[in-house]
């Protein structure tokens, strides 16, 4: 979809973009392409594809979850800024932290934040397993979110420790996640949460099936989790 279609489709979903926000998306696209020549941020660089598969896709959680009721968000494995930057542009009130283990990506996100003049947008260099045990970040957020990072049982251990009790974790996944959902049941319960809703939809322009998994945190995460860096991926909770 082109920029005009993007703005129109969001308006139909109840998200009205002001001229400043449209300009922020345009600048973000140009920065993404510019920096992608120096470092590997994305394989998708054609403008219409970026607007469909990155920008629009990043905003889809807002169609199923009341982001206007949330204040603090942490994006785990933030990469090139999806979904954190599009969500921040659309919902400026959000106070967003973005955690990524690669310093180069954090430098890109900081540059984007400066150029787009994003307030309360904080890129943090580190691993989720380490920061999830840090009192500054542990159970400090209303919402944690992650897109295309790991299988759900591993992702849950990365993300749920950051969420306060009664907060939420949203996993943005691709097609057919029934196996992942089943194998993640123990991990989600062990970490003090439960799956409350799964929304399945087709991304526009035949860009594929997507699933939004919404997980509610019911109690504090046991202090043993997350385990040390590397262990959740090597020995997932099953």
C-alpha atoms as a PDB file:
ATOM      1  CA  UNK A   1       0.000   0.000   0.000  1.00  0.00           C
ATOM      2  CA  UNK A   2       1.187   3.520  -0.648  1.00  0.00           C
ATOM      3  CA  UNK A   3       1.352   6.272   1.953  1.00  0.00           C
ATOM      4  CA  UNK A   4      -2.113   7.641   1.112  1.00  0.00           C
ATOM      5  CA  UNK A   5      -3.719   4.201   1.373  1.00  0.00           C
ATOM      6  CA  UNK A   6      -1.897   3.616   4.669  1.00  0.00           C
ATOM      7  CA  UNK A   7      -3.327   6.829   6.141  1.00  0.00           C
ATOM      8  CA  UNK A   8      -6.807   6.000   4.811  1.00  0.00           C
ATOM      9  CA  UNK A   9      -6.855   2.432   6.137  1.00  0.00           C
ATOM     10  CA  UNK A  10      -5.725   3.555   9.594  1.00  0.00           C
ATOM     11  CA  UNK A  11      -8.465   6.195   9.618  1.00  0.00           C
ATOM     12  CA  UNK A  12     -11.010   3.447   8.896  1.00  0.00           C
ATOM     13  CA  UNK A  13      -9.632   1.642  11.963  1.00  0.00           C
ATOM     14  CA  UNK A  14     -10.123   4.758  14.081  1.00  0.00           C
ATOM     15  CA  UNK A  15      -6.491   5.949  14.043  1.00  0.00           C
ATOM     16  CA  UNK A  16      -6.415   9.474  12.593  1.00  0.00           C
ATOM     17  CA  UNK A  17      -2.924  10.649  11.681  1.00  0.00           C
ATOM     18  CA  UNK A  18      -2.090  14.362  11.778  1.00  0.00           C
ATOM     19  CA  UNK A  19       0.221  15.882   9.168  1.00  0.00           C
ATOM     20  CA  UNK A  20       3.143  15.728  11.623  1.00  0.00           C
ATOM     21  CA  UNK A  21       2.629  11.991  12.173  1.00  0.00           C
ATOM     22  CA  UNK A  22       2.450  11.326   8.412  1.00  0.00           C
ATOM     23  CA  UNK A  23       5.719  13.221   8.027  1.00  0.00           C
ATOM     24  CA  UNK A  24       7.273  11.136  10.808  1.00  0.00           C
ATOM     25  CA  UNK A  25       6.422   7.925   8.947  1.00  0.00           C
ATOM     26  CA  UNK A  26       7.900   9.366   5.761  1.00  0.00           C
ATOM     27  CA  UNK A  27      11.140  10.344   7.512  1.00  0.00           C
ATOM     28  CA  UNK A  28      11.314   6.989   9.278  1.00  0.00           C
ATOM     29  CA  UNK A  29      11.068   5.212   5.925  1.00  0.00           C
ATOM     30  CA  UNK A  30      13.887   7.317   4.478  1.00  0.00           C
ATOM     31  CA  UNK A  31      16.131   6.746   7.507  1.00  0.00           C
ATOM     32  CA  UNK A  32      15.450   3.000   7.339  1.00  0.00           C
ATOM     33  CA  UNK A  33      16.553   2.829   3.685  1.00  0.00           C
ATOM     34  CA  UNK A  34      19.565   5.081   4.284  1.00  0.00           C
ATOM     35  CA  UNK A  35      20.883   3.124   7.271  1.00  0.00           C
ATOM     36  CA  UNK A  36      20.059  -0.206   5.649  1.00  0.00           C
ATOM     37  CA  UNK A  37      22.849   0.465   3.163  1.00  0.00           C
ATOM     38  CA  UNK A  38      25.331   0.502   6.052  1.00  0.00           C
ATOM     39  CA  UNK A  39      23.889  -2.290   8.211  1.00  0.00           C
ATOM     40  CA  UNK A  40      21.375  -5.096   7.852  1.00  0.00           C
ATOM     41  CA  UNK A  41      18.089  -3.747   9.205  1.00  0.00           C
ATOM     42  CA  UNK A  42      15.535  -5.204   6.785  1.00  0.00           C
ATOM     43  CA  UNK A  43      15.273  -7.150   3.537  1.00  0.00           C
ATOM     44  CA  UNK A  44      12.208  -5.058   2.649  1.00  0.00           C
ATOM     45  CA  UNK A  45      13.034  -1.592   1.300  1.00  0.00           C
ATOM     46  CA  UNK A  46      10.413  -0.874  -1.408  1.00  0.00           C
ATOM     47  CA  UNK A  47       8.200   1.888  -0.026  1.00  0.00           C
ATOM     48  CA  UNK A  48       4.823   0.211  -0.526  1.00  0.00           C
ATOM     49  CA  UNK A  49       6.103  -3.026   1.010  1.00  0.00           C
ATOM     50  CA  UNK A  50       7.563  -1.199   4.004  1.00  0.00           C
ATOM     51  CA  UNK A  51       4.244   0.551   4.636  1.00  0.00           C
ATOM     52  CA  UNK A  52       2.346  -2.753   4.422  1.00  0.00           C
ATOM     53  CA  UNK A  53       4.679  -5.330   5.963  1.00  0.00           C
ATOM     54  CA  UNK A  54       6.427  -3.165   8.549  1.00  0.00           C
ATOM     55  CA  UNK A  55       4.454  -0.015   9.388  1.00  0.00           C
ATOM     56  CA  UNK A  56       0.876  -1.308   9.084  1.00  0.00           C
ATOM     57  CA  UNK A  57       1.784  -4.713  10.523  1.00  0.00           C
ATOM     58  CA  UNK A  58       3.378  -3.021  13.545  1.00  0.00           C
ATOM     59  CA  UNK A  59       0.163  -1.148  14.325  1.00  0.00           C
ATOM     60  CA  UNK A  60      -2.200  -4.153  14.120  1.00  0.00           C
ATOM     61  CA  UNK A  61      -2.070  -4.898  17.893  1.00  0.00           C
ATOM     62  CA  UNK A  62      -3.961  -1.624  18.396  1.00  0.00           C
ATOM     63  CA  UNK A  63      -6.926  -3.104  16.510  1.00  0.00           C
ATOM     64  CA  UNK A  64      -7.350  -5.781  19.208  1.00  0.00           C
ATOM     65  CA  UNK A  65      -5.951  -4.224  22.384  1.00  0.00           C
ATOM     66  CA  UNK A  66      -6.781  -0.850  24.021  1.00  0.00           C
ATOM     67  CA  UNK A  67      -3.416   0.914  23.764  1.00  0.00           C
ATOM     68  CA  UNK A  68      -5.009   4.176  24.886  1.00  0.00           C
ATOM     69  CA  UNK A  69      -5.379   2.546  28.332  1.00  0.00           C
ATOM     70  CA  UNK A  70      -1.650   1.743  28.523  1.00  0.00           C
ATOM     71  CA  UNK A  71       1.189   4.072  29.529  1.00  0.00           C
ATOM     72  CA  UNK A  72       4.445   2.110  29.721  1.00  0.00           C
ATOM     73  CA  UNK A  73       5.537  -0.343  27.019  1.00  0.00           C
ATOM     74  CA  UNK A  74       8.695  -2.387  26.457  1.00  0.00           C
ATOM     75  CA  UNK A  75       9.533  -3.809  23.020  1.00  0.00           C
ATOM     76  CA  UNK A  76      11.774  -6.869  23.370  1.00  0.00           C
ATOM     77  CA  UNK A  77      14.185  -7.489  20.484  1.00  0.00           C
ATOM     78  CA  UNK A  78      13.346  -4.142  18.939  1.00  0.00           C
ATOM     79  CA  UNK A  79      15.476  -4.589  15.808  1.00  0.00           C
ATOM     80  CA  UNK A  80      14.820  -1.804  13.303  1.00  0.00           C
ATOM     81  CA  UNK A  81      12.001  -0.396  15.435  1.00  0.00           C
ATOM     82  CA  UNK A  82       9.079  -2.684  14.661  1.00  0.00           C
ATOM     83  CA  UNK A  83       6.599  -2.427  16.275  1.00  0.00           C
ATOM     84  CA  UNK A  84       7.873   0.249  18.687  1.00  0.00           C
ATOM     85  CA  UNK A  85       8.369   3.228  16.342  1.00  0.00           C
ATOM     86  CA  UNK A  86       5.074   2.954  14.388  1.00  0.00           C
ATOM     87  CA  UNK A  87       3.191   2.485  17.667  1.00  0.00           C
ATOM     88  CA  UNK A  88       4.939   5.500  19.207  1.00  0.00           C
ATOM     89  CA  UNK A  89       4.083   7.663  16.177  1.00  0.00           C
ATOM     90  CA  UNK A  90       0.420   6.638  16.301  1.00  0.00           C
ATOM     91  CA  UNK A  91       0.134   6.794  20.102  1.00  0.00           C
ATOM     92  CA  UNK A  92       2.458   9.601  21.271  1.00  0.00           C
ATOM     93  CA  UNK A  93       1.373   9.222  24.918  1.00  0.00           C
ATOM     94  CA  UNK A  94       3.120   5.830  25.174  1.00  0.00           C
ATOM     95  CA  UNK A  95       6.351   5.727  27.162  1.00  0.00           C
ATOM     96  CA  UNK A  96       8.312   3.113  25.235  1.00  0.00           C
ATOM     97  CA  UNK A  97      11.542   1.303  26.059  1.00  0.00           C
ATOM     98  CA  UNK A  98      13.141  -0.755  23.288  1.00  0.00           C
ATOM     99  CA  UNK A  99      15.569  -3.505  24.253  1.00  0.00           C
ATOM    100  CA  UNK A 100      17.999  -4.998  21.751  1.00  0.00           C
ATOM    101  CA  UNK A 101      21.253  -6.904  22.195  1.00  0.00           C
ATOM    102  CA  UNK A 102      23.020  -5.287  19.197  1.00  0.00           C
ATOM    103  CA  UNK A 103      24.558  -1.873  19.830  1.00  0.00           C
ATOM    104  CA  UNK A 104      24.349  -0.915  16.134  1.00  0.00           C
ATOM    105  CA  UNK A 105      20.582  -1.301  16.114  1.00  0.00           C
ATOM    106  CA  UNK A 106      20.304   0.726  19.319  1.00  0.00           C
ATOM    107  CA  UNK A 107      22.333   3.500  17.643  1.00  0.00           C
ATOM    108  CA  UNK A 108      19.903   3.463  14.708  1.00  0.00           C
ATOM    109  CA  UNK A 109      16.885   3.637  17.021  1.00  0.00           C
ATOM    110  CA  UNK A 110      18.414   6.515  18.964  1.00  0.00           C
ATOM    111  CA  UNK A 111      19.023   8.368  15.683  1.00  0.00           C
ATOM    112  CA  UNK A 112      15.413   7.739  14.615  1.00  0.00           C
ATOM    113  CA  UNK A 113      14.179   8.984  17.983  1.00  0.00           C
ATOM    114  CA  UNK A 114      16.221  12.178  17.665  1.00  0.00           C
ATOM    115  CA  UNK A 115      15.257  12.857  14.048  1.00  0.00           C
ATOM    116  CA  UNK A 116      11.534  12.190  14.620  1.00  0.00           C
ATOM    117  CA  UNK A 117      11.634  14.069  17.956  1.00  0.00           C
ATOM    118  CA  UNK A 118      10.085  11.143  19.832  1.00  0.00           C
ATOM    119  CA  UNK A 119       9.533  11.944  23.505  1.00  0.00           C
ATOM    120  CA  UNK A 120       9.729   9.197  26.158  1.00  0.00           C
ATOM    121  CA  UNK A 121      11.259   6.734  23.683  1.00  0.00           C
ATOM    122  CA  UNK A 122      14.221   4.937  25.224  1.00  0.00           C
ATOM    123  CA  UNK A 123      16.439   2.471  23.293  1.00  0.00           C
ATOM    124  CA  UNK A 124      18.312   0.211  25.742  1.00  0.00           C
ATOM    125  CA  UNK A 125      21.287  -1.980  24.858  1.00  0.00           C
ATOM    126  CA  UNK A 126      21.179  -5.331  26.629  1.00  0.00           C
ATOM    127  CA  UNK A 127      19.774  -8.831  26.737  1.00  0.00           C
ATOM    128  CA  UNK A 128      16.242  -9.484  27.905  1.00  0.00           C
ATOM    129  CA  UNK A 129      17.417 -12.227  30.268  1.00  0.00           C
ATOM    130  CA  UNK A 130      19.734  -9.805  32.105  1.00  0.00           C
ATOM    131  CA  UNK A 131      17.458  -6.771  32.146  1.00  0.00           C
ATOM    132  CA  UNK A 132      14.475  -8.896  33.178  1.00  0.00           C
ATOM    133  CA  UNK A 133      16.290  -9.524  36.470  1.00  0.00           C
ATOM    134  CA  UNK A 134      17.191  -5.837  36.910  1.00  0.00           C
ATOM    135  CA  UNK A 135      14.962  -4.103  39.458  1.00  0.00           C
ATOM    136  CA  UNK A 136      14.824  -1.002  37.267  1.00  0.00           C
ATOM    137  CA  UNK A 137      12.982  -2.887  34.528  1.00  0.00           C
ATOM    138  CA  UNK A 138      11.511  -5.994  36.123  1.00  0.00           C
ATOM    139  CA  UNK A 139       7.706  -5.828  36.411  1.00  0.00           C
ATOM    140  CA  UNK A 140       7.919  -2.120  35.541  1.00  0.00           C
ATOM    141  CA  UNK A 141       5.697  -2.030  32.433  1.00  0.00           C
ATOM    142  CA  UNK A 142       1.995  -2.136  31.623  1.00  0.00           C
ATOM    143  CA  UNK A 143       2.735  -3.996  28.399  1.00  0.00           C
ATOM    144  CA  UNK A 144       5.563  -5.940  26.798  1.00  0.00           C
ATOM    145  CA  UNK A 145       5.479  -6.657  23.078  1.00  0.00           C
ATOM    146  CA  UNK A 146       7.629  -8.581  20.621  1.00  0.00           C
ATOM    147  CA  UNK A 147       7.545  -9.241  16.877  1.00  0.00           C
ATOM    148  CA  UNK A 148       9.400 -12.027  15.080  1.00  0.00           C
ATOM    149  CA  UNK A 149      11.890 -12.774  17.866  1.00  0.00           C
ATOM    150  CA  UNK A 150      11.553 -16.418  19.025  1.00  0.00           C
ATOM    151  CA  UNK A 151       9.120 -19.274  19.532  1.00  0.00           C
ATOM    152  CA  UNK A 152       6.404 -18.444  22.022  1.00  0.00           C
ATOM    153  CA  UNK A 153       7.688 -20.582  24.920  1.00  0.00           C
ATOM    154  CA  UNK A 154      11.083 -18.836  24.705  1.00  0.00           C
ATOM    155  CA  UNK A 155       9.550 -15.430  24.013  1.00  0.00           C
ATOM    156  CA  UNK A 156       7.353 -15.692  27.098  1.00  0.00           C
ATOM    157  CA  UNK A 157      10.419 -16.028  29.322  1.00  0.00           C
ATOM    158  CA  UNK A 158      11.988 -12.992  27.667  1.00  0.00           C
ATOM    159  CA  UNK A 159       8.898 -10.794  27.922  1.00  0.00           C
ATOM    160  CA  UNK A 160       6.608 -11.683  30.829  1.00  0.00           C
ATOM    161  CA  UNK A 161       9.115 -10.776  33.617  1.00  0.00           C
ATOM    162  CA  UNK A 162       9.021  -7.121  32.461  1.00  0.00           C
ATOM    163  CA  UNK A 163       5.253  -6.840  32.980  1.00  0.00           C
ATOM    164  CA  UNK A 164       3.598  -5.787  36.211  1.00  0.00           C
ATOM    165  CA  UNK A 165       0.877  -8.093  37.580  1.00  0.00           C
ATOM    166  CA  UNK A 166      -2.417  -7.381  35.754  1.00  0.00           C
ATOM    167  CA  UNK A 167      -0.396  -6.070  32.809  1.00  0.00           C
ATOM    168  CA  UNK A 168      -0.142  -7.780  29.422  1.00  0.00           C
ATOM    169  CA  UNK A 169       2.267  -9.330  26.953  1.00  0.00           C
ATOM    170  CA  UNK A 170       1.482  -9.254  23.223  1.00  0.00           C
ATOM    171  CA  UNK A 171       3.273 -11.665  20.887  1.00  0.00           C
ATOM    172  CA  UNK A 172       3.060 -10.775  17.193  1.00  0.00           C
ATOM    173  CA  UNK A 173       3.334 -14.013  15.246  1.00  0.00           C
ATOM    174  CA  UNK A 174       3.020 -15.314  11.696  1.00  0.00           C
ATOM    175  CA  UNK A 175       0.762 -18.031  10.319  1.00  0.00           C
ATOM    176  CA  UNK A 176      -0.487 -21.191  12.058  1.00  0.00           C
ATOM    177  CA  UNK A 177       0.677 -20.940  15.656  1.00  0.00           C
ATOM    178  CA  UNK A 178      -1.387 -23.779  17.142  1.00  0.00           C
ATOM    179  CA  UNK A 179       1.735 -25.869  17.857  1.00  0.00           C
ATOM    180  CA  UNK A 180       3.524 -22.889  19.433  1.00  0.00           C
ATOM    181  CA  UNK A 181       0.518 -22.072  21.603  1.00  0.00           C
ATOM    182  CA  UNK A 182       0.344 -25.626  22.854  1.00  0.00           C
ATOM    183  CA  UNK A 183       4.045 -25.940  23.660  1.00  0.00           C
ATOM    184  CA  UNK A 184       4.044 -22.541  25.428  1.00  0.00           C
ATOM    185  CA  UNK A 185       1.243 -23.373  27.905  1.00  0.00           C
ATOM    186  CA  UNK A 186       3.581 -24.487  30.686  1.00  0.00           C
ATOM    187  CA  UNK A 187       5.965 -21.545  30.214  1.00  0.00           C
ATOM    188  CA  UNK A 188       3.162 -18.976  30.311  1.00  0.00           C
ATOM    189  CA  UNK A 189       1.648 -20.488  33.460  1.00  0.00           C
ATOM    190  CA  UNK A 190       5.032 -20.890  35.174  1.00  0.00           C
ATOM    191  CA  UNK A 191       5.825 -17.214  34.546  1.00  0.00           C
ATOM    192  CA  UNK A 192       2.590 -16.079  36.184  1.00  0.00           C
ATOM    193  CA  UNK A 193       0.377 -15.443  33.186  1.00  0.00           C
ATOM    194  CA  UNK A 194      -2.334 -16.906  30.972  1.00  0.00           C
ATOM    195  CA  UNK A 195      -3.351 -16.532  27.326  1.00  0.00           C
ATOM    196  CA  UNK A 196      -6.507 -14.417  27.139  1.00  0.00           C
ATOM    197  CA  UNK A 197      -7.045 -13.971  23.398  1.00  0.00           C
ATOM    198  CA  UNK A 198      -5.657 -14.974  19.992  1.00  0.00           C
ATOM    199  CA  UNK A 199      -6.605 -12.868  16.966  1.00  0.00           C
ATOM    200  CA  UNK A 200      -5.971 -14.255  13.478  1.00  0.00           C
ATOM    201  CA  UNK A 201      -6.157 -12.050  10.382  1.00  0.00           C
ATOM    202  CA  UNK A 202      -4.803 -11.603   6.878  1.00  0.00           C
ATOM    203  CA  UNK A 203      -2.363  -8.762   6.302  1.00  0.00           C
ATOM    204  CA  UNK A 204      -3.446  -6.544   3.422  1.00  0.00           C
ATOM    205  CA  UNK A 205      -2.401  -7.137  -0.208  1.00  0.00           C
ATOM    206  CA  UNK A 206      -1.924 -10.881   0.318  1.00  0.00           C
ATOM    207  CA  UNK A 207       1.052 -10.262   2.579  1.00  0.00           C
ATOM    208  CA  UNK A 208       0.219 -13.317   4.658  1.00  0.00           C
ATOM    209  CA  UNK A 209      -1.556 -14.486   7.794  1.00  0.00           C
ATOM    210  CA  UNK A 210      -0.771 -12.926  11.154  1.00  0.00           C
ATOM    211  CA  UNK A 211      -1.653 -13.853  14.732  1.00  0.00           C
ATOM    212  CA  UNK A 212      -1.794 -11.553  17.732  1.00  0.00           C
ATOM    213  CA  UNK A 213      -1.461 -13.479  21.002  1.00  0.00           C
ATOM    214  CA  UNK A 214      -2.590 -11.486  24.040  1.00  0.00           C
ATOM    215  CA  UNK A 215      -1.384 -12.825  27.377  1.00  0.00           C
ATOM    216  CA  UNK A 216      -2.509 -11.416  30.735  1.00  0.00           C
ATOM    217  CA  UNK A 217      -0.224 -11.470  33.757  1.00  0.00           C
ATOM    218  CA  UNK A 218      -2.062 -12.749  36.799  1.00  0.00           C
ATOM    219  CA  UNK A 219       0.699 -12.805  39.428  1.00  0.00           C
ATOM    220  CA  UNK A 220       4.350 -11.995  39.995  1.00  0.00           C
ATOM    221  CA  UNK A 221       6.912 -13.945  37.985  1.00  0.00           C
ATOM    222  CA  UNK A 222       9.016 -16.284  40.194  1.00  0.00           C
ATOM    223  CA  UNK A 223      12.470 -14.826  40.878  1.00  0.00           C
ATOM    224  CA  UNK A 224      14.164 -17.706  39.073  1.00  0.00           C
ATOM    225  CA  UNK A 225      12.950 -16.293  35.722  1.00  0.00           C
ATOM    226  CA  UNK A 226      14.230 -15.218  33.336  1.00  0.00           C
ATOM    227  CA  UNK A 227      17.136 -17.616  33.568  1.00  0.00           C
ATOM    228  CA  UNK A 228      20.676 -16.566  32.586  1.00  0.00           C
ATOM    229  CA  UNK A 229      21.404 -15.316  29.085  1.00  0.00           C
ATOM    230  CA  UNK A 230      21.187 -18.053  26.471  1.00  0.00           C
ATOM    231  CA  UNK A 231      19.478 -20.639  28.658  1.00  0.00           C
ATOM    232  CA  UNK A 232      15.835 -19.918  27.659  1.00  0.00           C
ATOM    233  CA  UNK A 233      16.711 -20.546  23.994  1.00  0.00           C
ATOM    234  CA  UNK A 234      18.803 -23.648  24.708  1.00  0.00           C
ATOM    235  CA  UNK A 235      16.464 -25.176  27.294  1.00  0.00           C
ATOM    236  CA  UNK A 236      12.952 -23.792  26.680  1.00  0.00           C
ATOM    237  CA  UNK A 237      10.282 -24.283  29.313  1.00  0.00           C
ATOM    238  CA  UNK A 238       8.199 -27.222  28.068  1.00  0.00           C
END
